[in-house]
């Protein structure tokens, strides 16, 4: 088995597809999911699996470090949390308070920036699932002009 890759998993089938393809490529897979968002059965597709509450940023980092993860990706949807579902630790609270803009994009960029600051390389989920890429060449009977 080569390197362990990390998956920050939301809902849906996409995290499972990424995990299964990464394992088929010889990677170890460490998946962190979130209570109320991630299907616990996803553990079957992982070498290491843990569930957290949204906002437990330090625990997510510690989990990935404990499994030697250097590259990680995000896969699956996270619905906007209700106020009582969010349990931010001090680090997550600092990230939330530092947001310059509002909206999903600003939050995701801040989270990715913090993960990269911790030494993780955040990559596209499709980099572990090559069959999700569009094949090269013309896909229709008629070539573009």
N, C-alpha and C. Protein backbone atom coordinates (compact mmCIF):
# COMPACT_ATOMS: atom_id res chain seq x y z
N UNK A 1 0.85 -1.17 0.00
CA UNK A 1 0.00 0.00 0.00
C UNK A 1 0.90 1.24 0.00
N UNK A 2 0.62 2.18 -0.89
CA UNK A 2 1.40 3.41 -0.93
C UNK A 2 0.85 4.39 0.10
N UNK A 3 0.96 5.64 -0.16
CA UNK A 3 0.56 6.66 0.81
C UNK A 3 -0.91 6.57 1.21
N UNK A 4 -1.21 7.08 2.40
CA UNK A 4 -2.58 7.23 2.85
C UNK A 4 -3.09 8.57 2.35
N UNK A 5 -4.26 8.57 1.77
CA UNK A 5 -4.88 9.82 1.37
C UNK A 5 -6.08 10.05 2.29
N UNK A 6 -6.42 11.30 2.47
CA UNK A 6 -7.53 11.65 3.34
C UNK A 6 -8.74 12.12 2.55
N UNK A 7 -9.90 11.76 3.02
CA UNK A 7 -11.14 12.23 2.41
C UNK A 7 -11.99 12.88 3.50
N UNK A 8 -12.33 14.13 3.28
CA UNK A 8 -13.30 14.82 4.14
C UNK A 8 -14.63 14.57 3.46
N UNK A 9 -15.45 13.70 4.08
CA UNK A 9 -16.63 13.17 3.42
C UNK A 9 -17.91 13.85 3.87
N UNK A 10 -18.71 14.19 2.88
CA UNK A 10 -20.06 14.67 3.13
C UNK A 10 -21.04 13.57 2.80
N UNK A 11 -22.19 13.95 2.28
CA UNK A 11 -23.22 12.96 1.97
C UNK A 11 -23.13 12.49 0.53
N UNK A 12 -23.94 11.51 0.20
CA UNK A 12 -24.01 11.01 -1.17
C UNK A 12 -23.03 9.90 -1.44
N UNK A 13 -22.98 9.47 -2.71
CA UNK A 13 -22.14 8.36 -3.12
C UNK A 13 -20.73 8.76 -3.52
N UNK A 14 -20.52 10.04 -3.75
CA UNK A 14 -19.21 10.49 -4.24
C UNK A 14 -18.06 10.12 -3.30
N UNK A 15 -18.19 10.29 -1.97
CA UNK A 15 -17.07 9.88 -1.10
C UNK A 15 -16.72 8.40 -1.23
N UNK A 16 -17.73 7.54 -1.37
CA UNK A 16 -17.48 6.11 -1.52
C UNK A 16 -16.76 5.82 -2.83
N UNK A 17 -17.18 6.47 -3.91
CA UNK A 17 -16.54 6.27 -5.22
C UNK A 17 -15.07 6.67 -5.16
N UNK A 18 -14.80 7.82 -4.56
CA UNK A 18 -13.41 8.30 -4.45
C UNK A 18 -12.60 7.32 -3.60
N UNK A 19 -13.16 6.88 -2.47
CA UNK A 19 -12.44 5.96 -1.58
C UNK A 19 -12.15 4.63 -2.27
N UNK A 20 -13.14 4.07 -2.93
CA UNK A 20 -12.95 2.78 -3.60
C UNK A 20 -11.92 2.88 -4.71
N UNK A 21 -11.94 3.96 -5.46
CA UNK A 21 -10.97 4.13 -6.53
C UNK A 21 -9.56 4.37 -5.99
N UNK A 22 -9.46 5.10 -4.90
CA UNK A 22 -8.14 5.33 -4.30
C UNK A 22 -7.56 4.02 -3.78
N UNK A 23 -8.39 3.22 -3.14
CA UNK A 23 -7.93 1.91 -2.64
C UNK A 23 -7.54 0.99 -3.79
N UNK A 24 -8.31 1.02 -4.87
CA UNK A 24 -8.00 0.19 -6.04
C UNK A 24 -6.67 0.60 -6.66
N UNK A 25 -6.27 1.86 -6.47
CA UNK A 25 -4.99 2.35 -6.99
C UNK A 25 -3.85 2.08 -6.03
N UNK A 26 -4.14 1.41 -4.91
CA UNK A 26 -3.09 1.05 -3.96
C UNK A 26 -2.89 2.02 -2.82
N UNK A 27 -3.74 3.02 -2.71
CA UNK A 27 -3.63 3.99 -1.61
C UNK A 27 -4.36 3.48 -0.38
N UNK A 28 -3.84 3.84 0.78
CA UNK A 28 -4.61 3.68 2.00
C UNK A 28 -5.58 4.85 2.07
N UNK A 29 -6.72 4.68 2.71
CA UNK A 29 -7.74 5.72 2.75
C UNK A 29 -8.17 5.99 4.19
N UNK A 30 -8.04 7.24 4.60
CA UNK A 30 -8.52 7.69 5.90
C UNK A 30 -9.67 8.67 5.63
N UNK A 31 -10.84 8.35 6.15
CA UNK A 31 -12.03 9.17 5.89
C UNK A 31 -12.53 9.76 7.20
N UNK A 32 -12.78 11.07 7.18
CA UNK A 32 -13.50 11.68 8.30
C UNK A 32 -14.85 12.12 7.78
N UNK A 33 -15.88 11.76 8.53
CA UNK A 33 -17.23 12.14 8.19
C UNK A 33 -17.81 13.02 9.28
N UNK A 34 -19.03 13.47 9.08
CA UNK A 34 -19.66 14.39 10.01
C UNK A 34 -21.04 13.91 10.42
N UNK A 35 -21.30 13.94 11.72
CA UNK A 35 -22.58 13.52 12.27
C UNK A 35 -23.72 14.23 11.55
N UNK A 36 -24.69 13.46 11.09
CA UNK A 36 -25.86 14.02 10.44
C UNK A 36 -25.67 14.32 8.97
N UNK A 37 -24.46 14.12 8.45
CA UNK A 37 -24.18 14.41 7.05
C UNK A 37 -23.61 13.21 6.31
N UNK A 38 -22.75 12.46 6.95
CA UNK A 38 -22.04 11.35 6.31
C UNK A 38 -22.65 10.02 6.73
N UNK A 39 -22.82 9.14 5.77
CA UNK A 39 -23.35 7.81 6.05
C UNK A 39 -22.29 6.99 6.80
N UNK A 40 -22.59 6.52 8.01
CA UNK A 40 -21.61 5.73 8.76
C UNK A 40 -21.16 4.46 8.04
N UNK A 41 -21.97 3.95 7.12
CA UNK A 41 -21.59 2.75 6.35
C UNK A 41 -20.40 3.00 5.45
N UNK A 42 -20.02 4.26 5.27
CA UNK A 42 -18.84 4.60 4.47
C UNK A 42 -17.57 4.03 5.09
N UNK A 43 -17.64 3.69 6.36
CA UNK A 43 -16.48 3.10 7.04
C UNK A 43 -15.99 1.84 6.34
N UNK A 44 -16.89 1.13 5.67
CA UNK A 44 -16.52 -0.10 4.95
C UNK A 44 -15.54 0.17 3.82
N UNK A 45 -15.54 1.38 3.28
CA UNK A 45 -14.68 1.73 2.16
C UNK A 45 -13.35 2.33 2.61
N UNK A 46 -13.11 2.38 3.92
CA UNK A 46 -11.93 3.06 4.45
C UNK A 46 -11.02 2.11 5.22
N UNK A 47 -9.76 2.47 5.27
CA UNK A 47 -8.81 1.78 6.14
C UNK A 47 -8.89 2.37 7.55
N UNK A 48 -9.25 3.64 7.62
CA UNK A 48 -9.44 4.34 8.90
C UNK A 48 -10.62 5.28 8.72
N UNK A 49 -11.49 5.33 9.72
CA UNK A 49 -12.71 6.12 9.62
C UNK A 49 -13.05 6.72 10.97
N UNK A 50 -13.48 7.97 10.95
CA UNK A 50 -13.93 8.63 12.19
C UNK A 50 -15.04 9.61 11.85
N UNK A 51 -15.98 9.75 12.78
CA UNK A 51 -17.07 10.70 12.65
C UNK A 51 -16.84 11.84 13.65
N UNK A 52 -17.07 13.05 13.18
CA UNK A 52 -16.93 14.24 14.01
C UNK A 52 -18.18 15.10 13.87
N UNK A 53 -18.29 16.10 14.72
CA UNK A 53 -19.31 17.12 14.54
C UNK A 53 -18.71 18.24 13.71
N UNK A 54 -19.54 18.91 12.93
CA UNK A 54 -19.04 20.05 12.17
C UNK A 54 -18.41 21.05 13.13
N UNK A 55 -17.24 21.51 12.78
CA UNK A 55 -16.54 22.49 13.60
C UNK A 55 -15.44 21.92 14.46
N UNK A 56 -15.29 20.61 14.50
CA UNK A 56 -14.22 20.01 15.29
C UNK A 56 -12.95 19.91 14.45
N UNK A 57 -12.43 21.07 14.10
CA UNK A 57 -11.32 21.19 13.17
C UNK A 57 -10.05 20.54 13.70
N UNK A 58 -9.73 20.78 14.97
CA UNK A 58 -8.51 20.20 15.56
C UNK A 58 -8.55 18.67 15.54
N UNK A 59 -9.72 18.09 15.78
CA UNK A 59 -9.84 16.63 15.77
C UNK A 59 -9.65 16.07 14.37
N UNK A 60 -10.16 16.79 13.37
CA UNK A 60 -9.98 16.35 11.98
C UNK A 60 -8.49 16.35 11.63
N UNK A 61 -7.80 17.42 11.97
CA UNK A 61 -6.36 17.52 11.70
C UNK A 61 -5.60 16.40 12.42
N UNK A 62 -5.91 16.19 13.69
CA UNK A 62 -5.24 15.14 14.47
C UNK A 62 -5.49 13.75 13.86
N UNK A 63 -6.71 13.50 13.40
CA UNK A 63 -7.05 12.22 12.77
C UNK A 63 -6.19 11.98 11.53
N UNK A 64 -6.13 12.98 10.65
CA UNK A 64 -5.35 12.80 9.43
C UNK A 64 -3.86 12.67 9.74
N UNK A 65 -3.36 13.42 10.69
CA UNK A 65 -1.94 13.31 11.06
C UNK A 65 -1.64 11.93 11.63
N UNK A 66 -2.54 11.40 12.44
CA UNK A 66 -2.33 10.09 13.06
C UNK A 66 -2.23 8.98 12.02
N UNK A 67 -2.79 9.22 10.84
CA UNK A 67 -2.76 8.21 9.78
C UNK A 67 -1.78 8.56 8.65
N UNK A 68 -0.92 9.52 8.89
CA UNK A 68 0.13 9.84 7.93
C UNK A 68 -0.36 10.45 6.63
N UNK A 69 -1.50 11.11 6.66
CA UNK A 69 -2.06 11.71 5.45
C UNK A 69 -1.28 12.98 5.10
N UNK A 70 -0.91 13.10 3.82
CA UNK A 70 -0.30 14.35 3.36
C UNK A 70 -1.17 15.02 2.29
N UNK A 71 -1.92 14.19 1.53
CA UNK A 71 -2.85 14.73 0.53
C UNK A 71 -4.27 14.38 0.94
N UNK A 72 -5.16 15.34 0.77
CA UNK A 72 -6.55 15.08 1.09
C UNK A 72 -7.47 15.81 0.14
N UNK A 73 -8.72 15.37 0.12
CA UNK A 73 -9.72 15.99 -0.74
C UNK A 73 -11.04 16.06 0.00
N UNK A 74 -11.94 16.82 -0.57
CA UNK A 74 -13.30 16.92 -0.05
C UNK A 74 -14.21 16.25 -1.07
N UNK A 75 -15.14 15.44 -0.58
CA UNK A 75 -16.06 14.73 -1.49
C UNK A 75 -17.42 14.62 -0.81
N UNK A 76 -18.45 14.99 -1.54
CA UNK A 76 -19.80 14.89 -1.00
C UNK A 76 -20.29 16.22 -0.47
N UNK A 77 -21.59 16.30 -0.30
CA UNK A 77 -22.23 17.55 0.12
C UNK A 77 -22.35 17.64 1.63
N UNK A 78 -22.22 18.85 2.11
CA UNK A 78 -22.51 19.17 3.52
C UNK A 78 -23.60 20.23 3.47
N UNK A 79 -24.76 19.89 4.00
CA UNK A 79 -25.84 20.88 4.00
C UNK A 79 -25.54 21.93 5.07
N UNK A 80 -26.09 23.10 4.86
CA UNK A 80 -25.83 24.18 5.81
C UNK A 80 -26.35 23.77 7.19
N UNK A 81 -25.48 23.88 8.17
CA UNK A 81 -25.86 23.40 9.50
C UNK A 81 -26.81 24.36 10.22
N UNK A 82 -27.66 23.76 11.03
CA UNK A 82 -28.44 24.57 11.94
C UNK A 82 -27.51 24.99 13.06
N UNK A 83 -27.82 26.06 13.73
CA UNK A 83 -26.95 26.61 14.77
C UNK A 83 -26.59 25.57 15.83
N UNK A 84 -27.52 24.71 16.20
CA UNK A 84 -27.25 23.72 17.24
C UNK A 84 -26.41 22.55 16.75
N UNK A 85 -26.30 22.36 15.43
CA UNK A 85 -25.49 21.27 14.89
C UNK A 85 -24.01 21.62 14.84
N UNK A 86 -23.70 22.89 14.83
CA UNK A 86 -22.31 23.34 14.71
C UNK A 86 -21.68 23.39 16.09
N UNK A 87 -20.54 22.71 16.23
CA UNK A 87 -19.82 22.67 17.51
C UNK A 87 -18.37 23.08 17.27
N UNK A 88 -18.16 24.36 16.99
CA UNK A 88 -16.79 24.79 16.65
C UNK A 88 -15.84 24.76 17.83
N UNK A 89 -14.65 24.21 17.58
CA UNK A 89 -13.58 24.33 18.56
C UNK A 89 -12.97 25.72 18.37
N UNK A 90 -11.96 26.04 19.14
CA UNK A 90 -11.37 27.39 19.07
C UNK A 90 -10.83 27.70 17.68
N UNK A 91 -10.24 26.71 17.06
CA UNK A 91 -9.66 26.91 15.73
C UNK A 91 -10.74 27.19 14.70
N UNK A 92 -11.82 26.42 14.72
CA UNK A 92 -12.92 26.63 13.78
C UNK A 92 -13.58 27.98 14.03
N UNK A 93 -13.72 28.36 15.29
CA UNK A 93 -14.31 29.67 15.61
C UNK A 93 -13.44 30.79 15.04
N UNK A 94 -12.13 30.63 15.15
CA UNK A 94 -11.21 31.64 14.59
C UNK A 94 -11.36 31.74 13.08
N UNK A 95 -11.50 30.60 12.42
CA UNK A 95 -11.69 30.59 10.96
C UNK A 95 -12.99 31.30 10.61
N UNK A 96 -14.05 30.96 11.32
CA UNK A 96 -15.35 31.59 11.04
C UNK A 96 -15.31 33.10 11.25
N UNK A 97 -14.63 33.53 12.30
CA UNK A 97 -14.55 34.97 12.59
C UNK A 97 -13.65 35.72 11.62
N UNK A 98 -12.75 34.99 10.96
CA UNK A 98 -11.81 35.64 10.04
C UNK A 98 -12.34 35.76 8.61
N UNK A 99 -13.50 35.18 8.35
CA UNK A 99 -14.03 35.20 6.99
C UNK A 99 -14.23 36.63 6.50
N UNK A 100 -13.68 36.90 5.33
CA UNK A 100 -13.80 38.23 4.73
C UNK A 100 -15.12 38.38 3.99
N UNK A 101 -15.57 37.30 3.41
CA UNK A 101 -16.82 37.34 2.68
C UNK A 101 -17.81 36.37 3.28
N UNK A 102 -19.00 36.44 2.80
CA UNK A 102 -20.02 35.50 3.25
C UNK A 102 -20.26 34.49 2.15
N UNK A 103 -20.72 33.34 2.52
CA UNK A 103 -21.05 32.34 1.52
C UNK A 103 -20.15 31.13 1.59
N UNK A 104 -20.57 30.12 0.84
CA UNK A 104 -19.88 28.83 0.84
C UNK A 104 -18.45 28.92 0.32
N UNK A 105 -18.24 29.70 -0.74
CA UNK A 105 -16.92 29.79 -1.34
C UNK A 105 -15.91 30.35 -0.36
N UNK A 106 -16.28 31.41 0.35
CA UNK A 106 -15.36 32.02 1.32
C UNK A 106 -15.02 31.03 2.43
N UNK A 107 -16.02 30.29 2.90
CA UNK A 107 -15.79 29.32 3.96
C UNK A 107 -14.89 28.18 3.48
N UNK A 108 -15.16 27.63 2.30
CA UNK A 108 -14.33 26.54 1.78
C UNK A 108 -12.90 26.99 1.54
N UNK A 109 -12.72 28.19 1.02
CA UNK A 109 -11.35 28.70 0.80
C UNK A 109 -10.61 28.86 2.13
N UNK A 110 -11.31 29.34 3.15
CA UNK A 110 -10.68 29.50 4.46
C UNK A 110 -10.29 28.15 5.05
N UNK A 111 -11.16 27.16 4.92
CA UNK A 111 -10.86 25.82 5.43
C UNK A 111 -9.68 25.22 4.68
N UNK A 112 -9.70 25.31 3.35
CA UNK A 112 -8.58 24.77 2.56
C UNK A 112 -7.28 25.49 2.89
N UNK A 113 -7.34 26.80 3.07
CA UNK A 113 -6.14 27.55 3.44
C UNK A 113 -5.57 27.10 4.77
N UNK A 114 -6.44 26.85 5.72
CA UNK A 114 -5.99 26.39 7.04
C UNK A 114 -5.39 24.99 6.96
N UNK A 115 -6.00 24.12 6.16
CA UNK A 115 -5.45 22.77 5.98
C UNK A 115 -4.08 22.83 5.31
N UNK A 116 -3.94 23.68 4.31
CA UNK A 116 -2.65 23.83 3.63
C UNK A 116 -1.61 24.44 4.57
N UNK A 117 -2.03 25.37 5.41
CA UNK A 117 -1.14 25.95 6.42
C UNK A 117 -0.61 24.87 7.36
N UNK A 118 -1.41 23.84 7.59
CA UNK A 118 -1.01 22.71 8.44
C UNK A 118 -0.13 21.71 7.71
N UNK A 119 0.13 21.95 6.42
CA UNK A 119 1.02 21.07 5.67
C UNK A 119 0.33 20.04 4.80
N UNK A 120 -0.99 20.04 4.78
CA UNK A 120 -1.71 19.11 3.91
C UNK A 120 -1.83 19.71 2.52
N UNK A 121 -1.78 18.86 1.53
CA UNK A 121 -2.02 19.28 0.16
C UNK A 121 -3.47 18.94 -0.17
N UNK A 122 -4.28 19.98 -0.43
CA UNK A 122 -5.69 19.77 -0.76
C UNK A 122 -5.80 19.63 -2.27
N UNK A 123 -6.28 18.47 -2.71
CA UNK A 123 -6.36 18.18 -4.14
C UNK A 123 -7.80 17.89 -4.53
N UNK A 124 -8.05 17.88 -5.83
CA UNK A 124 -9.39 17.55 -6.32
C UNK A 124 -9.66 16.07 -6.10
N UNK A 125 -10.88 15.76 -5.73
CA UNK A 125 -11.27 14.37 -5.51
C UNK A 125 -11.08 13.54 -6.77
N UNK A 126 -11.24 14.16 -7.91
CA UNK A 126 -11.10 13.42 -9.17
C UNK A 126 -9.67 12.96 -9.42
N UNK A 127 -8.70 13.51 -8.71
CA UNK A 127 -7.32 13.05 -8.90
C UNK A 127 -7.13 11.61 -8.40
N UNK A 128 -8.06 11.13 -7.57
CA UNK A 128 -8.02 9.75 -7.10
C UNK A 128 -9.01 8.86 -7.86
N UNK A 129 -9.79 9.47 -8.75
CA UNK A 129 -10.82 8.74 -9.50
C UNK A 129 -10.73 9.12 -10.97
N UNK A 130 -9.73 8.60 -11.64
CA UNK A 130 -9.49 8.96 -13.04
C UNK A 130 -10.68 8.67 -13.96
N UNK A 131 -11.46 7.62 -13.65
CA UNK A 131 -12.59 7.31 -14.53
C UNK A 131 -13.69 8.36 -14.47
N UNK A 132 -13.60 9.29 -13.54
CA UNK A 132 -14.56 10.39 -13.48
C UNK A 132 -14.20 11.50 -14.46
N UNK A 133 -13.00 11.44 -15.02
CA UNK A 133 -12.58 12.43 -16.00
C UNK A 133 -13.23 12.12 -17.34
N UNK A 134 -13.48 13.15 -18.08
CA UNK A 134 -14.03 12.99 -19.43
C UNK A 134 -12.94 12.38 -20.32
N UNK A 135 -13.26 11.40 -21.14
CA UNK A 135 -12.25 10.81 -22.02
C UNK A 135 -11.81 11.82 -23.09
N UNK A 136 -10.59 11.64 -23.58
CA UNK A 136 -10.08 12.50 -24.64
C UNK A 136 -10.78 12.19 -25.96
N UNK A 137 -10.86 13.19 -26.79
CA UNK A 137 -11.39 12.99 -28.13
C UNK A 137 -12.81 13.48 -28.30
N UNK A 138 -13.32 13.26 -29.48
CA UNK A 138 -14.68 13.69 -29.83
C UNK A 138 -15.68 12.70 -29.22
N UNK A 139 -16.68 13.20 -28.56
CA UNK A 139 -17.65 12.36 -27.88
C UNK A 139 -18.97 12.24 -28.63
N UNK A 140 -19.06 12.90 -29.75
CA UNK A 140 -20.28 12.85 -30.56
C UNK A 140 -19.93 12.41 -31.96
N UNK A 141 -20.95 12.23 -32.79
CA UNK A 141 -20.69 11.84 -34.19
C UNK A 141 -20.08 12.97 -34.99
N UNK A 142 -20.34 14.18 -34.59
CA UNK A 142 -19.86 15.33 -35.33
C UNK A 142 -18.79 16.08 -34.55
N UNK A 143 -17.66 16.30 -35.19
CA UNK A 143 -16.58 17.04 -34.55
C UNK A 143 -16.92 18.53 -34.51
N UNK A 144 -16.42 19.23 -33.50
CA UNK A 144 -16.63 20.68 -33.46
C UNK A 144 -15.89 21.36 -34.60
N UNK A 145 -16.39 22.51 -35.01
CA UNK A 145 -15.73 23.27 -36.09
C UNK A 145 -14.65 24.15 -35.52
